[in-house]
Amino acid sequence: MQFLYMQFTTFGDNSRAGSYLLCIELLSTVELSFGRFLGGRAFRMPQGCYLYVGSALGSGRNAFPLASRLLRHASRSGKLAAHAIRGDLLGFFARRGFDPLRKTPGKKLHWHIDYLLDLPSAEISSIVMVMSPSKLEHQLALLVASMSGVSVVVDRLGAQDAASGTHLFRVEEPTTLLERLKHEIPEMLRMTHH
């Protein structure tokens, strides 16, 4: 099942857990360190499009881990303005039973990706959600890494809880990549459910 809603593309069974890909537009070149990653070393990140692969598979009777995680990503720390996509994301999940009043903007920087998403020059432009309780994050990262026009920013970046690889990529042609993902992800889900 595929559902296209403005900046959101969803696949899967409408599970409250899932994996996701964030399309991030970096509006200017930056020197950025990702917390304590590689001793706090700063990396040059050229202006352009980046793709981050993540998952939110938590459980709990009233939990909606995918909504909580994506709304967190769309927030910034302190009093910094949230990503423009956050309002639409709140509405998207509210229509699926998520109570947005429980969650407030603002966050502490924890994961590698938080440091990039906290920049005012970085905006989440679209999100691909794979609504399934299956562990697909690593498969999605391998799929993205295998595509042409995709390069690794730094090995192991964004993959703190994975055994290997990276989860943050620079993408030359995001539209082409997203079109290919729309064909590859349903097949991945079919293979997972058999």
C-alpha atoms as a PDB file:
ATOM      1  CA  MET A   1       0.000   0.000   0.000  1.00  0.00           C
ATOM      2  CA  GLN A   2       1.359   3.424  -0.902  1.00  0.00           C
ATOM      3  CA  PHE A   3      -0.122   6.753   0.119  1.00  0.00           C
ATOM      4  CA  LEU A   4       1.162  10.122  -1.052  1.00  0.00           C
ATOM      5  CA  TYR A   5       0.302  13.114   1.126  1.00  0.00           C
ATOM      6  CA  MET A   6       2.011  16.417   0.355  1.00  0.00           C
ATOM      7  CA  GLN A   7       5.592  15.977   1.588  1.00  0.00           C
ATOM      8  CA  PHE A   8       4.955  12.479   2.940  1.00  0.00           C
ATOM      9  CA  THR A   9       5.126   9.136   1.171  1.00  0.00           C
ATOM     10  CA  THR A  10       4.041   6.117   3.206  1.00  0.00           C
ATOM     11  CA  PHE A  11       4.328   2.395   2.648  1.00  0.00           C
ATOM     12  CA  GLY A  12       3.215  -0.507   4.780  1.00  0.00           C
ATOM     13  CA  ASP A  13       0.362  -1.502   7.010  1.00  0.00           C
ATOM     14  CA  ASN A  14      -0.213   1.702   8.989  1.00  0.00           C
ATOM     15  CA  SER A  15       1.738   0.310  11.943  1.00  0.00           C
ATOM     16  CA  ARG A  16       2.539   2.856  14.633  1.00  0.00           C
ATOM     17  CA  ALA A  17       6.184   1.761  14.419  1.00  0.00           C
ATOM     18  CA  GLY A  18       8.396   1.909  11.374  1.00  0.00           C
ATOM     19  CA  SER A  19      11.461   3.011   9.477  1.00  0.00           C
ATOM     20  CA  TYR A  20      11.875   6.271   7.633  1.00  0.00           C
ATOM     21  CA  LEU A  21      13.996   8.352   5.302  1.00  0.00           C
ATOM     22  CA  LEU A  22      14.382  12.080   5.881  1.00  0.00           C
ATOM     23  CA  CYS A  23      15.177  14.233   2.852  1.00  0.00           C
ATOM     24  CA  ILE A  24      17.174  17.163   4.192  1.00  0.00           C
ATOM     25  CA  GLU A  25      18.032  20.285   2.219  1.00  0.00           C
ATOM     26  CA  LEU A  26      21.205  21.966   3.457  1.00  0.00           C
ATOM     27  CA  LEU A  27      20.939  25.539   2.225  1.00  0.00           C
ATOM     28  CA  SER A  28      24.596  26.481   2.759  1.00  0.00           C
ATOM     29  CA  THR A  29      27.926  24.712   3.151  1.00  0.00           C
ATOM     30  CA  VAL A  30      28.830  24.108   6.810  1.00  0.00           C
ATOM     31  CA  GLU A  31      31.620  22.754   8.988  1.00  0.00           C
ATOM     32  CA  LEU A  32      29.823  20.536  11.487  1.00  0.00           C
ATOM     33  CA  SER A  33      30.797  18.215  14.308  1.00  0.00           C
ATOM     34  CA  PHE A  34      28.333  15.537  15.373  1.00  0.00           C
ATOM     35  CA  GLY A  35      28.708  15.576  19.140  1.00  0.00           C
ATOM     36  CA  ARG A  36      31.476  13.235  20.252  1.00  0.00           C
ATOM     37  CA  PHE A  37      31.515  11.334  16.954  1.00  0.00           C
ATOM     38  CA  LEU A  38      35.187  10.769  15.989  1.00  0.00           C
ATOM     39  CA  GLY A  39      36.360  12.930  18.886  1.00  0.00           C
ATOM     40  CA  GLY A  40      34.186  15.902  17.941  1.00  0.00           C
ATOM     41  CA  ARG A  41      35.965  16.366  14.596  1.00  0.00           C
ATOM     42  CA  ALA A  42      34.220  18.838  12.258  1.00  0.00           C
ATOM     43  CA  PHE A  43      33.274  17.730   8.753  1.00  0.00           C
ATOM     44  CA  ARG A  44      32.644  19.898   5.712  1.00  0.00           C
ATOM     45  CA  MET A  45      29.134  19.370   4.413  1.00  0.00           C
ATOM     46  CA  PRO A  46      28.495  21.074   1.077  1.00  0.00           C
ATOM     47  CA  GLN A  47      25.171  22.711   0.347  1.00  0.00           C
ATOM     48  CA  GLY A  48      22.749  20.213  -1.189  1.00  0.00           C
ATOM     49  CA  CYS A  49      20.446  17.308  -0.453  1.00  0.00           C
ATOM     50  CA  TYR A  50      21.058  14.657   2.198  1.00  0.00           C
ATOM     51  CA  LEU A  51      19.131  11.535   3.094  1.00  0.00           C
ATOM     52  CA  TYR A  52      18.991  10.071   6.590  1.00  0.00           C
ATOM     53  CA  VAL A  53      17.719   6.545   7.284  1.00  0.00           C
ATOM     54  CA  GLY A  54      16.263   5.800  10.720  1.00  0.00           C
ATOM     55  CA  SER A  55      13.702   3.738  12.577  1.00  0.00           C
ATOM     56  CA  ALA A  56      11.352   3.989  15.534  1.00  0.00           C
ATOM     57  CA  LEU A  57      10.279   0.525  16.603  1.00  0.00           C
ATOM     58  CA  GLY A  58       9.455   1.088  20.283  1.00  0.00           C
ATOM     59  CA  SER A  59       6.405  -0.510  21.783  1.00  0.00           C
ATOM     60  CA  GLY A  60       3.860   0.186  24.455  1.00  0.00           C
ATOM     61  CA  ARG A  61       0.099   0.053  24.647  1.00  0.00           C
ATOM     62  CA  ASN A  62      -0.507   3.673  23.676  1.00  0.00           C
ATOM     63  CA  ALA A  63       2.841   4.307  21.992  1.00  0.00           C
ATOM     64  CA  PHE A  64       3.212   5.775  18.502  1.00  0.00           C
ATOM     65  CA  PRO A  65       7.009   5.608  18.177  1.00  0.00           C
ATOM     66  CA  LEU A  66       7.136   6.691  14.533  1.00  0.00           C
ATOM     67  CA  ALA A  67       5.151   9.881  15.234  1.00  0.00           C
ATOM     68  CA  SER A  68       7.199  10.695  18.333  1.00  0.00           C
ATOM     69  CA  ARG A  69      10.526  10.198  16.561  1.00  0.00           C
ATOM     70  CA  LEU A  70       9.655  12.146  13.412  1.00  0.00           C
ATOM     71  CA  LEU A  71       8.178  15.055  15.384  1.00  0.00           C
ATOM     72  CA  ARG A  72      11.361  15.089  17.457  1.00  0.00           C
ATOM     73  CA  HIS A  73      13.463  15.232  14.270  1.00  0.00           C
ATOM     74  CA  ALA A  74      11.307  18.138  13.023  1.00  0.00           C
ATOM     75  CA  SER A  75      12.012  20.118  16.226  1.00  0.00           C
ATOM     76  CA  ARG A  76      15.147  22.019  17.146  1.00  0.00           C
ATOM     77  CA  SER A  77      16.810  22.587  20.499  1.00  0.00           C
ATOM     78  CA  GLY A  78      16.061  25.439  22.880  1.00  0.00           C
ATOM     79  CA  LYS A  79      13.996  28.226  21.384  1.00  0.00           C
ATOM     80  CA  LEU A  80      15.076  27.605  17.781  1.00  0.00           C
ATOM     81  CA  ALA A  81      12.192  27.472  15.313  1.00  0.00           C
ATOM     82  CA  ALA A  82      10.998  24.004  14.330  1.00  0.00           C
ATOM     83  CA  HIS A  83      11.332  22.716  10.772  1.00  0.00           C
ATOM     84  CA  ALA A  84       8.616  24.057   8.474  1.00  0.00           C
ATOM     85  CA  ILE A  85       7.354  20.510   7.854  1.00  0.00           C
ATOM     86  CA  ARG A  86       6.519  19.979  11.553  1.00  0.00           C
ATOM     87  CA  GLY A  87       3.017  21.493  11.396  1.00  0.00           C
ATOM     88  CA  ASP A  88       1.968  19.245   8.504  1.00  0.00           C
ATOM     89  CA  LEU A  89       3.566  16.284  10.280  1.00  0.00           C
ATOM     90  CA  LEU A  90       1.493  16.991  13.406  1.00  0.00           C
ATOM     91  CA  GLY A  91      -1.677  16.995  11.311  1.00  0.00           C
ATOM     92  CA  PHE A  92      -0.652  13.849   9.468  1.00  0.00           C
ATOM     93  CA  PHE A  93      -0.214  11.897  12.705  1.00  0.00           C
ATOM     94  CA  ALA A  94      -3.189  13.501  14.496  1.00  0.00           C
ATOM     95  CA  ARG A  95      -5.416  11.993  11.774  1.00  0.00           C
ATOM     96  CA  ARG A  96      -3.941   8.620  12.746  1.00  0.00           C
ATOM     97  CA  GLY A  97      -4.733   8.958  16.448  1.00  0.00           C
ATOM     98  CA  PHE A  98      -1.573  10.573  17.784  1.00  0.00           C
ATOM     99  CA  ASP A  99      -2.181  13.122  20.551  1.00  0.00           C
ATOM    100  CA  PRO A 100       0.111  16.029  19.624  1.00  0.00           C
ATOM    101  CA  LEU A 101      -0.626  17.856  22.881  1.00  0.00           C
ATOM    102  CA  ARG A 102       1.571  15.403  24.758  1.00  0.00           C
ATOM    103  CA  LYS A 103       4.652  16.418  22.767  1.00  0.00           C
ATOM    104  CA  THR A 104       6.296  19.819  22.884  1.00  0.00           C
ATOM    105  CA  PRO A 105       8.933  21.265  20.547  1.00  0.00           C
ATOM    106  CA  GLY A 106      12.518  21.607  21.689  1.00  0.00           C
ATOM    107  CA  LYS A 107      14.965  18.805  22.277  1.00  0.00           C
ATOM    108  CA  LYS A 108      18.385  17.940  23.640  1.00  0.00           C
ATOM    109  CA  LEU A 109      20.914  16.908  21.027  1.00  0.00           C
ATOM    110  CA  HIS A 110      21.551  13.173  21.355  1.00  0.00           C
ATOM    111  CA  TRP A 111      21.807  11.315  18.036  1.00  0.00           C
ATOM    112  CA  HIS A 112      24.291  12.230  15.306  1.00  0.00           C
ATOM    113  CA  ILE A 113      21.502  13.486  13.042  1.00  0.00           C
ATOM    114  CA  ASP A 114      20.335  15.943  15.734  1.00  0.00           C
ATOM    115  CA  TYR A 115      23.385  18.116  15.096  1.00  0.00           C
ATOM    116  CA  LEU A 116      22.570  18.509  11.406  1.00  0.00           C
ATOM    117  CA  LEU A 117      18.830  18.969  11.934  1.00  0.00           C
ATOM    118  CA  ASP A 118      19.437  21.654  14.565  1.00  0.00           C
ATOM    119  CA  LEU A 119      21.025  23.980  11.998  1.00  0.00           C
ATOM    120  CA  PRO A 120      18.744  26.796  10.767  1.00  0.00           C
ATOM    121  CA  SER A 121      20.208  26.158   7.285  1.00  0.00           C
ATOM    122  CA  ALA A 122      18.995  22.525   7.303  1.00  0.00           C
ATOM    123  CA  GLU A 123      15.326  21.824   6.483  1.00  0.00           C
ATOM    124  CA  ILE A 124      13.516  18.520   6.243  1.00  0.00           C
ATOM    125  CA  SER A 125      11.846  18.769   2.835  1.00  0.00           C
ATOM    126  CA  SER A 126      10.083  15.399   2.683  1.00  0.00           C
ATOM    127  CA  ILE A 127       9.762  12.118   4.545  1.00  0.00           C
ATOM    128  CA  VAL A 128       9.337   8.552   3.341  1.00  0.00           C
ATOM    129  CA  MET A 129       7.732   6.349   6.028  1.00  0.00           C
ATOM    130  CA  VAL A 130       7.693   2.569   6.015  1.00  0.00           C
ATOM    131  CA  MET A 131       4.961   1.824   8.540  1.00  0.00           C
ATOM    132  CA  SER A 132       5.884  -1.684   9.621  1.00  0.00           C
ATOM    133  CA  PRO A 133       7.188  -3.221  12.863  1.00  0.00           C
ATOM    134  CA  SER A 134       9.854  -5.090  10.835  1.00  0.00           C
ATOM    135  CA  LYS A 135      13.490  -4.068  11.283  1.00  0.00           C
ATOM    136  CA  LEU A 136      14.167  -2.485   7.882  1.00  0.00           C
ATOM    137  CA  GLU A 137      16.566   0.364   8.729  1.00  0.00           C
ATOM    138  CA  HIS A 138      19.735  -1.514   7.760  1.00  0.00           C
ATOM    139  CA  GLN A 139      18.156  -2.851   4.526  1.00  0.00           C
ATOM    140  CA  LEU A 140      17.000   0.651   3.592  1.00  0.00           C
ATOM    141  CA  ALA A 141      20.479   2.077   4.254  1.00  0.00           C
ATOM    142  CA  LEU A 142      22.064  -0.632   2.070  1.00  0.00           C
ATOM    143  CA  LEU A 143      19.505   0.059  -0.675  1.00  0.00           C
ATOM    144  CA  VAL A 144      20.209   3.810  -0.615  1.00  0.00           C
ATOM    145  CA  ALA A 145      23.984   3.215  -0.555  1.00  0.00           C
ATOM    146  CA  SER A 146      23.713   1.010  -3.677  1.00  0.00           C
ATOM    147  CA  MET A 147      22.034   3.698  -5.774  1.00  0.00           C
ATOM    148  CA  SER A 148      23.867   5.903  -8.251  1.00  0.00           C
ATOM    149  CA  GLY A 149      24.331   9.548  -7.327  1.00  0.00           C
ATOM    150  CA  VAL A 150      24.557   8.697  -3.614  1.00  0.00           C
ATOM    151  CA  SER A 151      27.696   9.142  -1.520  1.00  0.00           C
ATOM    152  CA  VAL A 152      28.543   8.407   2.099  1.00  0.00           C
ATOM    153  CA  VAL A 153      29.133  11.535   4.193  1.00  0.00           C
ATOM    154  CA  VAL A 154      31.316   9.722   6.769  1.00  0.00           C
ATOM    155  CA  ASP A 155      31.357   5.992   7.499  1.00  0.00           C
ATOM    156  CA  ARG A 156      29.372   5.059  10.649  1.00  0.00           C
ATOM    157  CA  LEU A 157      27.730   8.513  10.814  1.00  0.00           C
ATOM    158  CA  GLY A 158      24.119   8.250  11.927  1.00  0.00           C
ATOM    159  CA  ALA A 159      24.462   4.517  12.513  1.00  0.00           C
ATOM    160  CA  GLN A 160      25.139   4.566  16.250  1.00  0.00           C
ATOM    161  CA  ASP A 161      23.007   1.503  16.934  1.00  0.00           C
ATOM    162  CA  ALA A 162      23.894  -0.456  13.787  1.00  0.00           C
ATOM    163  CA  ALA A 163      26.655  -3.044  13.457  1.00  0.00           C
ATOM    164  CA  SER A 164      28.110  -1.381  10.352  1.00  0.00           C
ATOM    165  CA  GLY A 165      27.532   1.110   7.579  1.00  0.00           C
ATOM    166  CA  THR A 166      26.220   4.633   7.619  1.00  0.00           C
ATOM    167  CA  HIS A 167      22.756   6.160   7.679  1.00  0.00           C
ATOM    168  CA  LEU A 168      23.511   9.644   6.342  1.00  0.00           C
ATOM    169  CA  PHE A 169      24.067  10.123   2.622  1.00  0.00           C
ATOM    170  CA  ARG A 170      24.580  12.977   0.195  1.00  0.00           C
ATOM    171  CA  VAL A 171      22.230  12.681  -2.795  1.00  0.00           C
ATOM    172  CA  GLU A 172      22.835  14.259  -6.210  1.00  0.00           C
ATOM    173  CA  GLU A 173      19.375  13.649  -7.712  1.00  0.00           C
ATOM    174  CA  PRO A 174      16.819  13.322  -4.884  1.00  0.00           C
ATOM    175  CA  THR A 175      13.782  13.136  -7.199  1.00  0.00           C
ATOM    176  CA  THR A 176      15.268  10.210  -9.145  1.00  0.00           C
ATOM    177  CA  LEU A 177      16.259   8.446  -5.934  1.00  0.00           C
ATOM    178  CA  LEU A 178      12.795   8.873  -4.391  1.00  0.00           C
ATOM    179  CA  GLU A 179      11.142   7.527  -7.555  1.00  0.00           C
ATOM    180  CA  ARG A 180      13.343   4.435  -7.406  1.00  0.00           C
ATOM    181  CA  LEU A 181      12.573   3.953  -3.705  1.00  0.00           C
ATOM    182  CA  LYS A 182       8.840   4.010  -4.513  1.00  0.00           C
ATOM    183  CA  HIS A 183       9.433   0.872  -6.586  1.00  0.00           C
ATOM    184  CA  GLU A 184      11.974  -0.850  -4.325  1.00  0.00           C
ATOM    185  CA  ILE A 185      10.316  -0.421  -0.900  1.00  0.00           C
ATOM    186  CA  PRO A 186       7.082  -2.346  -1.709  1.00  0.00           C
ATOM    187  CA  GLU A 187       9.235  -5.275  -2.891  1.00  0.00           C
ATOM    188  CA  MET A 188      11.285  -5.081   0.311  1.00  0.00           C
ATOM    189  CA  LEU A 189       8.067  -5.229   2.353  1.00  0.00           C
ATOM    190  CA  ARG A 190       6.774  -8.216   0.361  1.00  0.00           C
ATOM    191  CA  MET A 191      10.028 -10.098   1.015  1.00  0.00           C
ATOM    192  CA  THR A 192       9.862  -9.271   4.732  1.00  0.00           C
ATOM    193  CA  HIS A 193       6.311 -10.566   5.138  1.00  0.00           C
ATOM    194  CA  HIS A 194       7.010 -13.931   3.463  1.00  0.00           C
END
